[in-house]
Amino acid sequence: MKVAIASDHGGVNIREEIKNLMDELGIEYQDFGCECGTSVDYPDYALPVAEKVASGEFDRGILICGTGIGMSIAANKVKGIRCALVHDVFTAKVTREHNDSNMLAMGERVIGPGLAREIAKTWLAGEFEGGRHANRVGKITEYENKQ
């Protein structure tokens, strides 16, 4: 698995935690920034990562901002992206199993580093169940392809 990761200024600390986690798990990743403590615009980081995942260059993507909301909205504008905003372990599990999410968004101002690590670990290990869920995800893809 190859993961693209990025944050804006509001998610720098948790991004570092998740990078450490991926190092521990032996997961290949590339960090797309930001490398600053000053205010930046989240679409400048979310959109390039989403495009890399949508193109297949990366298998999954992780985005962190203050709340995760802006990053997830921006990422979901890219065709082929199913970015889930997650702040608990249960939804991290289910979004992989039922929604085949290919991107994860989290908010550093909403959750702490320990919970963020557990969410990311659960999401990274999760597999899509297919079955009845494949039909539902297929409907989203079909609609998206009409646009």
Protein backbone atom coordinates (compact mmCIF):
# COMPACT_ATOMS: atom_id res chain seq x y z
CA MET A 1 0.00 0.00 0.00
CA LYS A 2 1.20 3.50 -0.87
CA VAL A 3 -0.34 6.46 0.99
CA ALA A 4 -0.29 10.19 0.23
CA ILE A 5 -0.60 12.42 3.31
CA ALA A 6 -1.00 16.16 3.76
CA SER A 7 -2.26 18.76 6.18
CA ASP A 8 -2.79 22.45 6.37
CA HIS A 9 -1.41 24.52 9.27
CA GLY A 10 -4.14 23.18 11.57
CA GLY A 11 -3.12 19.54 11.19
CA VAL A 12 0.68 19.53 11.28
CA ASN A 13 1.04 17.75 14.64
CA ILE A 14 -1.34 14.89 13.88
CA ARG A 15 0.20 14.50 10.42
CA GLU A 16 3.53 13.82 12.13
CA GLU A 17 1.86 11.25 14.43
CA ILE A 18 0.34 9.44 11.46
CA LYS A 19 3.65 9.45 9.60
CA ASN A 20 5.28 7.86 12.68
CA LEU A 21 2.50 5.26 12.75
CA MET A 22 3.04 4.41 9.08
CA ASP A 23 6.78 4.10 9.71
CA GLU A 24 6.02 1.65 12.54
CA LEU A 25 3.63 -0.34 10.32
CA GLY A 26 6.03 -0.37 7.38
CA ILE A 27 3.59 1.48 5.12
CA GLU A 28 5.07 3.45 2.25
CA TYR A 29 3.94 7.07 2.12
CA GLN A 30 4.76 10.48 0.72
CA ASP A 31 4.21 13.71 2.63
CA PHE A 32 2.76 16.58 0.59
CA GLY A 33 3.02 19.24 3.32
CA CYS A 34 2.43 21.80 4.59
CA GLU A 35 5.72 22.76 6.14
CA CYS A 36 4.59 25.87 7.93
CA GLY A 37 3.00 27.19 11.07
CA THR A 38 1.27 30.07 9.36
CA SER A 39 -2.18 29.98 7.82
CA VAL A 40 -2.48 28.28 4.42
CA ASP A 41 -5.45 27.29 2.25
CA TYR A 42 -6.51 23.66 2.72
CA PRO A 43 -7.56 23.13 -0.95
CA ASP A 44 -3.93 23.71 -1.96
CA TYR A 45 -3.05 20.50 -0.10
CA ALA A 46 -6.23 18.43 -0.34
CA LEU A 47 -6.72 18.67 -4.10
CA PRO A 48 -3.24 17.52 -5.21
CA VAL A 49 -3.37 14.55 -2.82
CA ALA A 50 -6.86 13.61 -4.01
CA GLU A 51 -5.70 13.81 -7.63
CA LYS A 52 -2.76 11.49 -6.85
CA VAL A 53 -5.12 8.95 -5.27
CA ALA A 54 -7.69 9.25 -8.06
CA SER A 55 -5.00 8.69 -10.70
CA GLY A 56 -3.86 5.49 -8.98
CA GLU A 57 -0.40 6.83 -8.19
CA PHE A 58 -1.29 6.29 -4.51
CA ASP A 59 -3.66 3.68 -3.10
CA ARG A 60 -5.03 5.88 -0.32
CA GLY A 61 -4.74 9.38 1.07
CA ILE A 62 -4.90 10.94 4.52
CA LEU A 63 -5.70 14.61 5.11
CA ILE A 64 -5.65 16.58 8.34
CA CYS A 65 -6.81 20.12 9.07
CA GLY A 66 -8.33 21.80 12.11
CA THR A 67 -11.68 20.02 11.81
CA GLY A 68 -11.19 17.76 8.78
CA ILE A 69 -14.25 19.34 7.18
CA GLY A 70 -12.55 21.58 4.63
CA MET A 71 -10.10 18.89 3.55
CA SER A 72 -12.85 16.31 3.08
CA ILE A 73 -15.07 18.69 1.10
CA ALA A 74 -12.19 19.64 -1.20
CA ALA A 75 -11.02 16.05 -1.72
CA ASN A 76 -14.52 14.85 -2.56
CA LYS A 77 -14.65 17.29 -5.50
CA VAL A 78 -12.12 15.08 -7.31
CA LYS A 79 -13.71 12.38 -9.46
CA GLY A 80 -13.12 8.93 -8.00
CA ILE A 81 -12.50 10.07 -4.44
CA ARG A 82 -14.49 8.83 -1.49
CA CYS A 83 -13.03 10.81 1.41
CA ALA A 84 -14.51 10.07 4.81
CA LEU A 85 -14.33 12.55 7.67
CA VAL A 86 -13.74 10.35 10.72
CA HIS A 87 -13.36 11.14 14.42
CA ASP A 88 -13.91 7.70 15.97
CA VAL A 89 -12.61 4.17 15.46
CA PHE A 90 -15.97 2.59 14.58
CA THR A 91 -16.60 4.84 11.58
CA ALA A 92 -12.97 4.38 10.48
CA LYS A 93 -13.66 0.65 10.30
CA VAL A 94 -17.04 0.93 8.63
CA THR A 95 -16.04 3.50 6.02
CA ARG A 96 -13.48 1.03 4.65
CA GLU A 97 -15.76 -2.01 4.92
CA HIS A 98 -18.96 -0.46 3.58
CA ASN A 99 -17.98 2.65 1.60
CA ASP A 100 -14.57 1.63 0.22
CA SER A 101 -13.25 5.05 1.20
CA ASN A 102 -9.93 5.79 -0.44
CA MET A 103 -9.20 8.89 1.61
CA LEU A 104 -9.43 9.70 5.30
CA ALA A 105 -9.84 13.18 6.79
CA MET A 106 -9.39 14.05 10.45
CA GLY A 107 -9.46 17.21 12.55
CA GLU A 108 -6.58 18.01 14.88
CA ARG A 109 -8.73 20.41 16.89
CA VAL A 110 -11.37 17.68 17.33
CA ILE A 111 -9.30 14.63 18.34
CA GLY A 112 -5.99 14.05 20.05
CA PRO A 113 -2.93 12.25 18.71
CA GLY A 114 -3.66 8.90 20.39
CA LEU A 115 -7.14 8.64 18.93
CA ALA A 116 -5.91 9.85 15.55
CA ARG A 117 -3.36 7.02 15.50
CA GLU A 118 -6.05 4.43 16.35
CA ILE A 119 -8.37 5.80 13.67
CA ALA A 120 -5.64 5.76 11.04
CA LYS A 121 -4.45 2.29 12.05
CA THR A 122 -7.99 0.90 11.82
CA TRP A 123 -8.66 2.63 8.49
CA LEU A 124 -5.35 1.55 6.96
CA ALA A 125 -5.98 -2.09 7.95
CA GLY A 126 -9.58 -2.08 6.74
CA GLU A 127 -10.76 -3.92 3.65
CA PHE A 128 -13.84 -3.36 1.50
CA GLU A 129 -16.45 -6.09 2.07
CA GLY A 130 -18.02 -5.80 -1.37
CA GLY A 131 -21.32 -7.66 -1.64
CA ARG A 132 -24.33 -5.42 -1.13
CA HIS A 133 -21.96 -2.52 -0.48
CA ALA A 134 -20.39 -2.82 -3.95
CA ASN A 135 -23.76 -2.04 -5.53
CA ARG A 136 -24.11 1.09 -3.42
CA VAL A 137 -20.60 2.34 -4.14
CA GLY A 138 -21.22 1.49 -7.80
CA LYS A 139 -24.23 3.79 -7.85
CA ILE A 140 -22.06 6.65 -6.65
CA THR A 141 -19.45 5.92 -9.31
CA GLU A 142 -22.15 5.66 -11.99
CA TYR A 143 -23.59 9.04 -10.99
CA GLU A 144 -20.14 10.59 -10.87
CA ASN A 145 -19.33 9.30 -14.36
CA LYS A 146 -22.43 11.04 -15.75
CA GLN A 147 -21.22 14.44 -14.58
